[in-house]
C-alpha cells in the first residue's frame, strides 16, 4: 500500500447545520471551512437545508453565477436549490436544498430504506421525518453534482444520524462516491444519559437496540447504526464517543476526528484588553442593576454555558457548587456566576432595562434578582427551581451571586447586547462540569480566549487536554480536568467549589500565568493541527471505495 494519501477531487459535506446555526456542529463545520477551502479551493461544497425559503438567511449569500449551468440542470431534474456562499471565514460554496417536496414520497423512501438496509422508520416521530427528507434531498443534490462535475475521487461526508439516509442512498445509487459518516454523539448514548441512567459503568452491558426500544428511539438509532455499518469510513469526535459507538452501534470507528478551532477572530494585543474590559463592565452592570448593588471590578466572574441539558452539561453540578461556595470560608473575593444557557425565553425584563438605561444609582434588588429575561415556564425551570430549593436568592451579604441569562447571546438579546464571543473573554474562569460531552467546544472556546476553565474527563476535550499535559489537568495548566463518574456528583461539586476558592487567592501574576497556559493549550487544538485526521479519513474512504468497486 502506498504511503501517499489518496486525495479527493471534490468533497460534498452535508449537515442540518450548514448555514443554519443550531448547536455545536455549526461551529465544527463553519470553523473548519476556512482550512478546507484553502486546501481545496471551491472543491469543498456544503449541502444544507433551505429552512429559510423566502426569508433572508443571515449565514448565506446567494450567487446566481456560481455553478449556473448545474443550477439549471438541477432545476430540470426537479431539485429546488439555491447556490451561493456560506458567509463564514473562507466563504465556501454552499447549496441549500428545499426538501419539502419529498414528504409526498416518504413512505416509498422508507420502504426502500428498509428493503435495502434494514432501517426501521416505522417508529419515527418528532424531527425524524424532517431530517430524513432533507437527507434524501441532499443525496439527490450530491448525485446530480457528481454527474455534472465528472471527477474521479469524490467524497460525501454526512454528519449525524440526520444525514445518514443520503449516505445510504449514494452507497446504493452512486457507488463511485466514497462515503464518510461522523456521529458527533450517539443518539442512544445521549438519550441514556439524559434519562438519568448511568451510562459509563454499564456501557459494556447496554445493548443499543434494546435501549432504543426502551427509550422510544428505534428509528434514529436504526438509521445511525446502519449508516455506521455501510459507509466507507465511520468516524466520531473523541475517544470517549468511540467507546460508545463500539458498544451501542456494534461498530468500531475507523478514525477519530477531534474538533479544532479557528482563532482568527480572537482579538489580539490592545484590542483584547479593551474588549475584556468592556465585557466585564457590561456583565457587572447587568448583575448590579439586577441585585441593586454597585459591583467592584475585583469580583471574580465565572460562568457556564452551552445547550440547556441540565444533567448532561453539568448545569446541576454548577448550581450545587455555587451553593456550597456560599458557605466556603476559604473564598477570599466575591463571585458573580453566570449561567448562559438558552431557556424558553419570553422577553427581556422591562424593569431591568429601565434601570440599565437610567444610569441612576440603586440600592434595592429587583424582584427575582437571579434572572435577566422572563421565561414562559418560570415555575418549571430547572435552574430557577434548584436555586429556590437551596434558598439561593442573591441576598446582599451573599459572597456568591448567581445570574441566569436564559437567551442566545447574539448581540441582540435586549439586556446584555453582546455576542457570546464578546462575553466569554470577560470571565475569570469558565466551568463546564459535563456528564455527557462527546467533545466540548465551550471549554475549547474559553481557552482560545485566554480564559482558564474547569471541565471533566467525561468530555472529549478534557480527555484530550490530559493527554497533551501527560497528567490530569490542574488549574495552573490553564484547564482543570475533574475525574467524573456516574456516581461522584457531590465530589465534583466540592472540587469546583475548592478550585474557585483556590483561584480567589491567586495574585495578578498567577492569574496571568494561568491565562497564558490556557491560550498555549488552545493553539494545539487549531484546525491547522487537527485537519490531518480528516485527510487520513478521506484516504480511508477512497481506498475502501476502490475495494468495493473491485479496484486496488
Protein backbone atom coordinates (compact mmCIF):
# COMPACT_ATOMS: atom_id res chain seq x y z
CA UNK A 1 0.00 0.00 0.00
CA UNK A 2 1.36 3.40 -0.95
CA UNK A 3 2.36 5.77 1.85
CA UNK A 4 0.88 8.67 -0.09
CA UNK A 5 -2.63 9.60 0.93
CA UNK A 6 -5.34 9.46 -1.70
CA UNK A 7 -6.75 12.97 -2.08
CA UNK A 8 -10.31 13.82 -3.06
CA UNK A 9 -11.01 15.95 -6.15
CA UNK A 10 -14.25 17.15 -4.54
CA UNK A 11 -15.81 16.91 -1.08
CA UNK A 12 -19.57 17.18 -0.61
CA UNK A 13 -20.38 17.65 3.07
CA UNK A 14 -23.94 17.60 4.37
CA UNK A 15 -25.35 18.68 7.72
CA UNK A 16 -28.59 20.07 9.11
CA UNK A 17 -26.41 22.91 10.46
CA UNK A 18 -24.95 24.16 7.16
CA UNK A 19 -25.94 27.86 7.07
CA UNK A 20 -28.28 27.02 9.96
CA UNK A 21 -26.98 27.82 13.43
CA UNK A 22 -28.42 25.32 15.90
CA UNK A 23 -25.61 23.95 18.07
CA UNK A 24 -22.01 22.81 18.26
CA UNK A 25 -21.91 21.17 14.83
CA UNK A 26 -22.35 24.60 13.26
CA UNK A 27 -19.11 25.63 14.99
CA UNK A 28 -17.33 22.44 13.88
CA UNK A 29 -18.20 22.89 10.21
CA UNK A 30 -18.04 26.67 9.94
CA UNK A 31 -14.67 26.96 11.70
CA UNK A 32 -13.18 24.07 9.68
CA UNK A 33 -14.44 25.52 6.36
CA UNK A 34 -11.59 28.01 6.02
CA UNK A 35 -8.90 25.31 6.34
CA UNK A 36 -10.59 23.03 3.79
CA UNK A 37 -11.34 25.90 1.44
CA UNK A 38 -7.60 26.79 1.46
CA UNK A 39 -6.65 23.18 0.71
CA UNK A 40 -9.45 22.53 -1.84
CA UNK A 41 -10.47 25.95 -3.23
CA UNK A 42 -14.18 25.76 -4.18
CA UNK A 43 -13.90 21.95 -4.26
CA UNK A 44 -15.50 21.65 -0.82
CA UNK A 45 -19.26 22.04 -1.26
CA UNK A 46 -21.51 22.15 1.79
CA UNK A 47 -25.10 20.94 1.42
CA UNK A 48 -27.67 22.25 3.91
CA UNK A 49 -31.45 22.54 4.36
CA UNK A 50 -33.25 25.53 2.89
CA UNK A 51 -35.24 26.26 6.02
CA UNK A 52 -35.34 29.95 5.14
CA UNK A 53 -37.35 29.85 1.88
CA UNK A 54 -38.40 33.45 1.11
CA UNK A 55 -36.74 34.86 4.25
CA UNK A 56 -33.18 36.13 4.09
CA UNK A 57 -30.70 33.60 5.53
CA UNK A 58 -28.18 35.54 7.66
CA UNK A 59 -25.42 32.98 7.00
CA UNK A 60 -25.75 32.58 3.23
CA UNK A 61 -25.17 34.79 0.19
CA UNK A 62 -26.80 33.55 -2.99
CA UNK A 63 -24.77 33.78 -6.21
CA UNK A 64 -26.68 33.05 -9.39
CA UNK A 65 -23.46 32.80 -11.45
CA UNK A 66 -21.96 30.05 -9.27
CA UNK A 67 -22.43 26.67 -10.97
CA UNK A 68 -25.02 28.45 -13.14
CA UNK A 69 -25.23 25.64 -15.68
CA UNK A 70 -25.63 22.99 -12.98
CA UNK A 71 -28.30 25.09 -11.26
CA UNK A 72 -30.28 24.99 -14.47
CA UNK A 73 -29.74 21.20 -14.82
CA UNK A 74 -30.74 20.65 -11.18
CA UNK A 75 -33.99 22.52 -11.71
CA UNK A 76 -34.68 20.44 -14.81
CA UNK A 77 -34.27 17.37 -12.57
CA UNK A 78 -36.83 18.78 -10.13
CA UNK A 79 -34.36 19.84 -7.46
CA UNK A 80 -35.18 23.12 -5.71
CA UNK A 81 -31.77 24.51 -4.85
CA UNK A 82 -30.07 27.81 -4.07
CA UNK A 83 -26.34 28.08 -4.65
CA UNK A 84 -24.07 30.61 -3.01
CA UNK A 85 -21.52 31.03 -0.28
CA UNK A 86 -21.61 30.32 3.42
CA UNK A 87 -20.68 33.66 4.97
CA UNK A 88 -18.08 32.28 7.41
CA UNK A 89 -14.26 32.61 7.18
CA UNK A 90 -13.18 31.05 3.86
CA UNK A 91 -16.64 31.57 2.29
CA UNK A 92 -17.01 28.04 0.88
CA UNK A 93 -19.62 27.07 -1.71
CA UNK A 94 -22.95 26.09 -0.16
CA UNK A 95 -26.03 24.51 -1.72
CA UNK A 96 -29.31 24.89 0.17
CA UNK A 97 -31.99 22.42 -0.87
CA UNK A 98 -35.75 22.58 -0.29
CA UNK A 99 -36.65 19.10 1.00
CA UNK A 100 -40.40 19.63 1.50
CA UNK A 101 -41.43 18.16 -1.91
CA UNK A 102 -40.20 14.71 -0.79
CA UNK A 103 -42.72 14.34 2.02
CA UNK A 104 -45.14 13.01 -0.63
CA UNK A 105 -42.73 10.13 -1.33
CA UNK A 106 -41.93 9.49 2.34
CA UNK A 107 -43.47 6.00 2.56
CA UNK A 108 -41.75 4.82 -0.65
CA UNK A 109 -38.40 6.20 0.56
CA UNK A 110 -38.74 4.50 3.95
CA UNK A 111 -39.81 1.25 2.25
CA UNK A 112 -36.72 1.36 0.00
CA UNK A 113 -34.56 2.06 3.07
CA UNK A 114 -35.97 -0.98 4.88
CA UNK A 115 -35.58 -3.32 1.90
CA UNK A 116 -32.00 -2.29 1.12
CA UNK A 117 -30.52 -1.51 4.55
CA UNK A 118 -32.94 -2.81 7.18
CA UNK A 119 -33.58 0.69 8.59
CA UNK A 120 -36.67 0.78 10.82
CA UNK A 121 -38.56 4.03 10.14
CA UNK A 122 -41.87 2.71 11.49
CA UNK A 123 -41.40 4.24 14.92
CA UNK A 124 -40.47 7.68 13.63
CA UNK A 125 -41.70 10.81 15.39
CA UNK A 126 -40.60 14.40 16.03
CA UNK A 127 -37.78 15.58 13.79
CA UNK A 128 -37.11 12.19 12.16
CA UNK A 129 -39.20 12.84 9.04
CA UNK A 130 -37.86 16.35 8.56
CA UNK A 131 -34.24 15.23 8.90
CA UNK A 132 -34.78 12.20 6.63
CA UNK A 133 -36.41 14.18 3.84
CA UNK A 134 -33.54 16.70 3.97
CA UNK A 135 -31.00 13.88 3.96
CA UNK A 136 -32.65 12.26 0.94
CA UNK A 137 -32.70 15.62 -0.89
CA UNK A 138 -29.01 16.16 -0.01
CA UNK A 139 -28.22 12.74 -1.51
CA UNK A 140 -30.02 13.72 -4.73
CA UNK A 141 -28.04 17.00 -4.84
CA UNK A 142 -24.75 15.09 -4.42
CA UNK A 143 -25.74 12.62 -7.17
CA UNK A 144 -26.63 15.45 -9.55
CA UNK A 145 -23.41 17.39 -8.77
CA UNK A 146 -21.31 14.25 -9.19
CA UNK A 147 -22.77 13.59 -12.64
CA UNK A 148 -22.20 17.23 -13.60
CA UNK A 149 -18.59 17.71 -12.46
CA UNK A 150 -17.33 14.37 -13.78
CA UNK A 151 -14.47 13.92 -11.26
CA UNK A 152 -12.96 10.62 -10.15
CA UNK A 153 -12.31 10.91 -6.42
CA UNK A 154 -15.40 12.36 -4.75
CA UNK A 155 -16.22 12.18 -1.03
CA UNK A 156 -19.66 12.51 0.53
CA UNK A 157 -19.33 13.38 4.23
CA UNK A 158 -22.55 13.00 6.27
CA UNK A 159 -22.80 14.48 9.77
CA UNK A 160 -25.03 12.93 12.44
CA UNK A 161 -27.94 10.49 12.07
CA UNK A 162 -29.88 13.29 10.32
CA UNK A 163 -27.71 12.83 7.21
CA UNK A 164 -27.47 9.04 7.23
CA UNK A 165 -30.19 8.43 4.65
CA UNK A 166 -28.34 10.45 2.00
CA UNK A 167 -25.13 8.47 2.57
CA UNK A 168 -27.01 5.16 2.23
CA UNK A 169 -28.78 6.40 -0.91
CA UNK A 170 -25.42 7.20 -2.54
CA UNK A 171 -23.92 3.91 -1.36
CA UNK A 172 -26.55 2.13 -3.45
CA UNK A 173 -27.20 4.52 -6.34
CA UNK A 174 -23.77 6.10 -6.91
CA UNK A 175 -21.23 3.61 -5.53
CA UNK A 176 -18.39 5.58 -7.16
CA UNK A 177 -18.75 8.22 -4.41
CA UNK A 178 -16.76 7.39 -1.26
CA UNK A 179 -18.80 7.92 1.92
CA UNK A 180 -17.84 9.16 5.39
CA UNK A 181 -20.20 9.29 8.35
CA UNK A 182 -19.44 11.24 11.54
CA UNK A 183 -21.52 10.77 14.64
CA UNK A 184 -20.89 13.71 16.98
CA UNK A 185 -22.77 11.88 19.76
CA UNK A 186 -24.72 8.64 19.50
CA UNK A 187 -28.44 9.35 19.72
CA UNK A 188 -28.92 6.45 22.12
CA UNK A 189 -25.96 7.40 24.36
CA UNK A 190 -27.24 10.95 24.72
CA UNK A 191 -30.71 9.58 25.49
CA UNK A 192 -29.44 7.15 28.17
CA UNK A 193 -27.52 9.99 29.84
CA UNK A 194 -30.41 12.45 29.53
CA UNK A 195 -32.83 9.93 31.10
CA UNK A 196 -30.84 9.81 34.36
CA UNK A 197 -29.45 6.33 33.66
CA UNK A 198 -25.81 5.53 34.45
CA UNK A 199 -24.08 5.43 31.06
CA UNK A 200 -20.42 4.69 31.74
CA UNK A 201 -20.25 1.95 34.38
CA UNK A 202 -22.81 -0.08 32.45
CA UNK A 203 -21.70 0.77 28.93
CA UNK A 204 -20.30 -2.73 28.36
CA UNK A 205 -23.67 -4.24 29.33
CA UNK A 206 -26.03 -1.99 27.36
CA UNK A 207 -27.49 -3.33 24.13
CA UNK A 208 -28.08 -0.37 21.79
CA UNK A 209 -31.08 -1.95 20.02
CA UNK A 210 -32.73 -2.93 23.30
CA UNK A 211 -32.19 0.54 24.82
CA UNK A 212 -33.57 2.16 21.65
CA UNK A 213 -36.80 0.20 22.19
CA UNK A 214 -36.94 1.13 25.87
CA UNK A 215 -36.35 4.85 25.24
CA UNK A 216 -38.54 5.09 22.11
CA UNK A 217 -35.53 5.85 19.90
CA UNK A 218 -35.76 2.95 17.42
CA UNK A 219 -35.82 4.96 14.19
CA UNK A 220 -32.99 7.40 14.98
CA UNK A 221 -30.86 4.59 16.39
CA UNK A 222 -31.59 2.38 13.38
CA UNK A 223 -30.54 4.91 10.71
CA UNK A 224 -27.45 5.81 12.73
CA UNK A 225 -26.40 2.20 13.25
CA UNK A 226 -26.97 1.09 9.64
CA UNK A 227 -25.15 4.15 8.27
CA UNK A 228 -22.18 3.38 10.55
CA UNK A 229 -22.06 -0.18 9.20
CA UNK A 230 -22.43 0.63 5.50
CA UNK A 231 -20.28 3.74 4.88
CA UNK A 232 -16.68 3.51 3.69
CA UNK A 233 -15.31 5.36 6.71
CA UNK A 234 -17.09 5.65 10.07
CA UNK A 235 -15.81 8.39 12.40
CA UNK A 236 -16.53 10.19 15.65
CA UNK A 237 -15.05 13.16 17.53
CA UNK A 238 -13.34 11.71 20.61
CA UNK A 239 -12.02 8.52 22.20
CA UNK A 240 -14.85 8.55 24.73
CA UNK A 241 -17.51 8.54 21.98
CA UNK A 242 -15.55 5.89 20.06
CA UNK A 243 -16.16 3.56 23.02
CA UNK A 244 -19.85 4.45 22.91
CA UNK A 245 -20.04 3.65 19.17
CA UNK A 246 -18.46 0.24 19.67
CA UNK A 247 -20.82 -0.72 22.47
CA UNK A 248 -24.10 0.86 21.30
CA UNK A 249 -23.77 0.73 17.49
CA UNK A 250 -21.75 -2.54 17.41
CA UNK A 251 -19.22 -0.94 15.10
CA UNK A 252 -15.68 0.29 15.89
CA UNK A 253 -14.89 3.68 14.36
CA UNK A 254 -12.30 3.84 11.58
CA UNK A 255 -10.99 7.25 12.69
CA UNK A 256 -11.37 9.78 15.50
CA UNK A 257 -11.71 13.31 14.09
CA UNK A 258 -11.25 15.74 17.01
CA UNK A 259 -12.88 19.14 16.71
CA UNK A 260 -10.48 22.01 16.09
CA UNK A 261 -10.90 25.75 16.33
CA UNK A 262 -10.18 28.71 14.10
CA UNK A 263 -8.88 31.55 16.27
CA UNK A 264 -8.71 34.20 13.54
CA UNK A 265 -11.47 36.21 15.25
CA UNK A 266 -9.93 36.15 18.75
CA UNK A 267 -8.88 39.79 19.39
CA UNK A 268 -5.13 40.38 19.59
CA UNK A 269 -2.97 42.89 21.51
CA UNK A 270 -4.59 46.07 22.89
CA UNK A 271 -7.94 45.15 21.26
CA UNK A 272 -8.14 42.08 23.55
CA UNK A 273 -7.66 44.20 26.69
CA UNK A 274 -10.30 46.69 25.53
CA UNK A 275 -12.86 44.00 24.74
CA UNK A 276 -12.21 42.19 28.03
CA UNK A 277 -12.73 45.43 29.99
CA UNK A 278 -15.94 46.17 28.08
CA UNK A 279 -17.32 42.65 28.68
CA UNK A 280 -16.53 42.77 32.42
CA UNK A 281 -18.05 46.22 32.79
CA UNK A 282 -21.24 45.18 31.00
CA UNK A 283 -21.63 41.90 32.92
CA UNK A 284 -21.15 43.68 36.27
CA UNK A 285 -23.53 46.49 35.20
CA UNK A 286 -26.29 44.00 34.38
CA UNK A 287 -25.71 41.96 37.55
CA UNK A 288 -25.51 45.18 39.64
CA UNK A 289 -28.79 46.52 38.24
CA UNK A 290 -30.49 43.19 39.00
CA UNK A 291 -29.06 42.96 42.52
CA UNK A 292 -29.31 46.66 43.40
CA UNK A 293 -25.58 46.82 44.15
CA UNK A 294 -22.55 48.65 42.85
CA UNK A 295 -20.19 45.77 41.98
CA UNK A 296 -16.44 46.36 42.01
CA UNK A 297 -14.12 45.09 39.27
CA UNK A 298 -12.30 42.98 41.87
CA UNK A 299 -15.17 40.47 41.72
CA UNK A 300 -14.42 37.04 40.23
CA UNK A 301 -16.65 36.41 37.22
CA UNK A 302 -17.34 32.75 36.44
CA UNK A 303 -19.80 31.21 34.00
CA UNK A 304 -21.13 28.07 32.45
CA UNK A 305 -22.76 27.95 29.01
CA UNK A 306 -23.92 25.66 26.21
CA UNK A 307 -27.11 23.78 25.43
CA UNK A 308 -29.76 23.59 28.16
CA UNK A 309 -29.21 19.92 29.01
CA UNK A 310 -29.47 20.21 32.78
CA UNK A 311 -27.72 16.98 33.69
CA UNK A 312 -25.66 16.21 30.58
CA UNK A 313 -23.93 19.61 30.56
CA UNK A 314 -23.46 19.61 34.34
CA UNK A 315 -25.61 22.71 34.95
CA UNK A 316 -26.99 20.94 38.06
CA UNK A 317 -23.46 20.46 39.47
CA UNK A 318 -22.60 24.09 38.67
CA UNK A 319 -25.54 25.36 40.78
CA UNK A 320 -24.66 22.85 43.52
CA UNK A 321 -21.03 24.05 43.59
CA UNK A 322 -22.05 27.73 43.76
CA UNK A 323 -24.41 26.93 46.64
CA UNK A 324 -21.57 25.26 48.56
CA UNK A 325 -19.21 28.13 47.73
CA UNK A 326 -21.62 30.49 49.54
CA UNK A 327 -20.50 28.99 52.84
CA UNK A 328 -16.84 28.40 51.99
CA UNK A 329 -14.57 30.21 54.44
CA UNK A 330 -11.63 29.88 52.09
CA UNK A 331 -13.23 32.16 49.47
CA UNK A 332 -11.31 35.45 49.50
CA UNK A 333 -13.28 37.51 46.99
CA UNK A 334 -16.86 37.96 45.89
CA UNK A 335 -18.08 35.83 42.96
CA UNK A 336 -20.74 36.53 40.33
CA UNK A 337 -21.63 33.32 38.49
CA UNK A 338 -23.48 33.50 35.16
CA UNK A 339 -25.48 30.63 33.69
CA UNK A 340 -25.64 31.35 29.95
CA UNK A 341 -27.93 28.68 28.51
CA UNK A 342 -30.92 29.40 26.25
CA UNK A 343 -34.16 28.56 28.07
CA UNK A 344 -37.78 29.00 26.97
CA UNK A 345 -37.28 32.73 26.94
CA UNK A 346 -40.23 35.14 26.91
CA UNK A 347 -38.92 38.71 26.86
CA UNK A 348 -36.17 40.89 28.34
CA UNK A 349 -37.20 42.30 31.72
CA UNK A 350 -38.58 45.83 31.36
CA UNK A 351 -37.65 46.76 34.95
CA UNK A 352 -34.05 45.69 34.33
CA UNK A 353 -33.87 47.58 31.01
CA UNK A 354 -35.18 50.72 32.68
CA UNK A 355 -32.54 50.51 35.39
CA UNK A 356 -29.77 49.95 32.86
CA UNK A 357 -30.84 52.87 30.66
CA UNK A 358 -31.49 55.34 33.54
CA UNK A 359 -27.86 55.34 34.73
CA UNK A 360 -29.15 56.24 38.24
CA UNK A 361 -27.74 54.56 41.36
CA UNK A 362 -29.99 51.97 43.03
CA UNK A 363 -29.71 50.12 46.32
CA UNK A 364 -32.60 47.65 46.28
CA UNK A 365 -32.72 44.39 44.32
CA UNK A 366 -35.34 43.79 41.66
CA UNK A 367 -37.97 41.13 42.21
CA UNK A 368 -36.49 37.67 41.35
CA UNK A 369 -32.92 39.05 41.28
CA UNK A 370 -31.43 35.99 39.62
CA UNK A 371 -32.73 36.16 36.05
CA UNK A 372 -32.36 38.72 33.23
CA UNK A 373 -35.27 37.66 30.96
CA UNK A 374 -38.72 36.38 31.87
CA UNK A 375 -39.37 32.75 30.89
CA UNK A 376 -42.58 31.17 29.64
CA UNK A 377 -42.17 28.45 32.27
CA UNK A 378 -40.89 30.30 35.34
CA UNK A 379 -42.43 27.72 37.70
CA UNK A 380 -40.99 24.72 35.88
CA UNK A 381 -37.48 25.86 35.01
CA UNK A 382 -34.73 23.55 36.31
CA UNK A 383 -32.21 26.30 37.16
CA UNK A 384 -34.73 28.51 38.98
CA UNK A 385 -36.25 25.54 40.83
CA UNK A 386 -32.87 24.29 42.04
CA UNK A 387 -31.91 27.78 43.26
CA UNK A 388 -35.27 28.07 45.01
CA UNK A 389 -34.80 24.64 46.61
CA UNK A 390 -31.43 25.77 48.01
CA UNK A 391 -32.82 29.16 49.06
CA UNK A 392 -30.35 30.94 46.76
CA UNK A 393 -31.89 34.41 46.43
CA UNK A 394 -28.80 36.59 45.85
CA UNK A 395 -29.05 38.34 49.21
CA UNK A 396 -26.85 41.40 49.74
CA UNK A 397 -24.47 39.67 52.15
CA UNK A 398 -24.07 36.54 49.98
CA UNK A 399 -20.47 36.25 48.76
CA UNK A 400 -21.67 34.34 45.69
CA UNK A 401 -24.40 35.67 43.39
CA UNK A 402 -25.84 33.55 40.56
CA UNK A 403 -27.38 35.22 37.50
CA UNK A 404 -29.30 33.23 34.84
CA UNK A 405 -29.00 34.65 31.29
CA UNK A 406 -31.50 32.35 29.52
CA UNK A 407 -31.09 33.58 25.94
CA UNK A 408 -28.91 33.16 22.87
CA UNK A 409 -26.11 35.69 23.15
CA UNK A 410 -26.29 37.01 19.59
CA UNK A 411 -25.72 40.67 20.47
CA UNK A 412 -29.45 41.50 20.35
CA UNK A 413 -30.89 39.91 23.47
CA UNK A 414 -32.24 43.21 24.82
CA UNK A 415 -30.23 43.19 28.07
CA UNK A 416 -26.56 42.31 27.66
CA UNK A 417 -26.47 43.05 23.90
CA UNK A 418 -23.08 41.42 23.39
CA UNK A 419 -22.34 38.31 21.32
CA UNK A 420 -21.16 35.14 23.08
CA UNK A 421 -17.56 35.57 21.92
CA UNK A 422 -17.58 39.15 23.20
CA UNK A 423 -18.89 37.94 26.57
CA UNK A 424 -16.67 34.88 27.13
CA UNK A 425 -13.45 36.87 27.41
CA UNK A 426 -14.87 38.85 30.37
CA UNK A 427 -14.70 35.74 32.59
CA UNK A 428 -12.01 34.86 35.08
CA UNK A 429 -12.96 31.17 34.99
CA UNK A 430 -15.35 29.14 32.84
CA UNK A 431 -16.84 25.97 34.33
CA UNK A 432 -18.19 23.04 32.28
CA UNK A 433 -18.69 20.02 34.56
CA UNK A 434 -20.22 17.85 31.82
CA UNK A 435 -21.57 14.37 32.40
CA UNK A 436 -22.15 13.73 28.67
CA UNK A 437 -19.98 15.72 26.26
CA UNK A 438 -18.56 13.91 23.22
CA UNK A 439 -16.09 16.74 22.54
CA UNK A 440 -16.79 20.06 24.26
CA UNK A 441 -16.48 23.27 22.26
CA UNK A 442 -17.25 25.55 25.18
CA UNK A 443 -14.02 24.78 27.11
CA UNK A 444 -12.01 24.97 23.87
CA UNK A 445 -13.54 28.37 23.06
CA UNK A 446 -12.80 29.58 26.60
CA UNK A 447 -9.09 28.72 26.45
CA UNK A 448 -8.83 30.20 22.93
CA UNK A 449 -9.99 33.48 24.53
CA UNK A 450 -7.35 33.08 27.28
CA UNK A 451 -9.87 32.11 29.96
CA UNK A 452 -8.83 29.17 32.19
CA UNK A 453 -11.55 26.59 32.61
CA UNK A 454 -12.76 23.63 34.62
CA UNK A 455 -14.07 20.59 32.73
CA UNK A 456 -14.29 16.81 33.27
CA UNK A 457 -12.75 13.67 31.82
CA UNK A 458 -16.20 12.66 30.56
CA UNK A 459 -15.76 15.42 27.95
CA UNK A 460 -13.67 14.57 24.89
CA UNK A 461 -11.83 17.89 25.26
CA UNK A 462 -10.96 17.10 28.90
CA UNK A 463 -9.52 13.70 27.94
CA UNK A 464 -7.54 15.31 25.11
CA UNK A 465 -6.16 18.01 27.46
CA UNK A 466 -4.99 15.31 29.91
CA UNK A 467 -3.25 13.53 27.04
CA UNK A 468 -1.46 16.74 25.97
CA UNK A 469 -0.41 17.55 29.55
CA UNK A 470 0.72 13.99 30.26
CA UNK A 471 -1.14 14.23 33.59
CA UNK A 472 -4.56 15.23 34.94
CA UNK A 473 -5.00 18.92 34.17
CA UNK A 474 -4.75 21.34 37.12
CA UNK A 475 -5.80 24.99 37.30
CA UNK A 476 -2.16 26.07 36.88
CA UNK A 477 -2.15 24.26 33.50
CA UNK A 478 -4.97 26.52 32.28
CA UNK A 479 -7.50 23.64 32.34
CA UNK A 480 -8.58 21.82 35.48
CA UNK A 481 -9.87 18.36 34.48
CA UNK A 482 -12.05 16.73 37.15
CA UNK A 483 -12.47 12.95 37.16
CA UNK A 484 -16.20 12.37 36.82
CA UNK A 485 -18.12 9.08 37.04
CA UNK A 486 -21.77 8.03 37.07
CA UNK A 487 -21.90 8.47 40.85
CA UNK A 488 -19.48 11.18 42.11
CA UNK A 489 -21.72 14.24 41.57
CA UNK A 490 -21.13 15.51 45.12
CA UNK A 491 -17.36 15.14 44.91
CA UNK A 492 -17.32 17.04 41.57
CA UNK A 493 -19.31 19.91 43.14
CA UNK A 494 -16.81 20.07 46.01
CA UNK A 495 -13.81 20.14 43.67
CA UNK A 496 -15.38 23.01 41.66
CA UNK A 497 -16.03 24.91 44.93
CA UNK A 498 -12.44 24.34 46.08
CA UNK A 499 -11.00 25.33 42.68
CA UNK A 500 -12.86 28.68 42.62
CA UNK A 501 -11.78 29.29 46.23
CA UNK A 502 -8.19 28.45 45.23
CA UNK A 503 -8.42 30.91 42.32
CA UNK A 504 -9.60 33.65 44.73
CA UNK A 505 -6.12 33.52 46.36
CA UNK A 506 -4.25 33.97 43.05
CA UNK A 507 -2.11 37.08 42.67
CA UNK A 508 -2.48 39.08 39.44
CA UNK A 509 0.76 37.43 38.25
CA UNK A 510 -0.51 33.90 38.97
CA UNK A 511 -3.82 34.63 37.24
CA UNK A 512 -1.99 35.95 34.15
CA UNK A 513 0.29 32.87 34.04
CA UNK A 514 -2.82 30.68 34.19
CA UNK A 515 -4.39 32.63 31.31
CA UNK A 516 -1.25 32.24 29.19
CA UNK A 517 -1.23 28.46 29.78
CA UNK A 518 -4.86 28.27 28.66
CA UNK A 519 -4.02 30.18 25.49
CA UNK A 520 -0.99 27.94 24.76
CA UNK A 521 -3.13 24.80 25.04
CA UNK A 522 -5.70 26.21 22.61
CA UNK A 523 -3.00 26.61 19.94
CA UNK A 524 -2.59 22.82 19.94
CA UNK A 525 -6.28 22.42 19.04
CA UNK A 526 -6.35 24.66 15.97
CA UNK A 527 -7.70 23.21 12.73
CA UNK A 528 -4.21 23.53 11.25
CA UNK A 529 -3.20 20.81 13.78
CA UNK A 530 -6.30 18.60 13.51
CA UNK A 531 -7.10 18.74 9.78
CA UNK A 532 -4.58 15.95 9.12
CA UNK A 533 -7.03 13.46 10.67
CA UNK A 534 -9.59 14.45 8.01
CA UNK A 535 -7.07 13.88 5.22
CA UNK A 536 -6.47 10.39 6.62
CA UNK A 537 -10.22 9.74 6.76
CA UNK A 538 -10.56 10.82 3.11
CA UNK A 539 -7.80 8.36 2.24
CA UNK A 540 -9.53 5.51 4.14
CA UNK A 541 -12.85 6.23 2.41
CA UNK A 542 -11.35 6.38 -1.09
CA UNK A 543 -9.37 3.15 -0.61
CA UNK A 544 -12.45 1.32 0.67
CA UNK A 545 -14.43 2.68 -2.27
CA UNK A 546 -11.78 1.25 -4.59
CA UNK A 547 -12.03 -2.15 -2.88
CA UNK A 548 -15.83 -2.07 -3.18
CA UNK A 549 -15.60 -1.33 -6.89
CA UNK A 550 -13.11 -4.15 -7.35
CA UNK A 551 -10.11 -1.87 -7.87
CA UNK A 552 -6.83 -1.94 -5.97
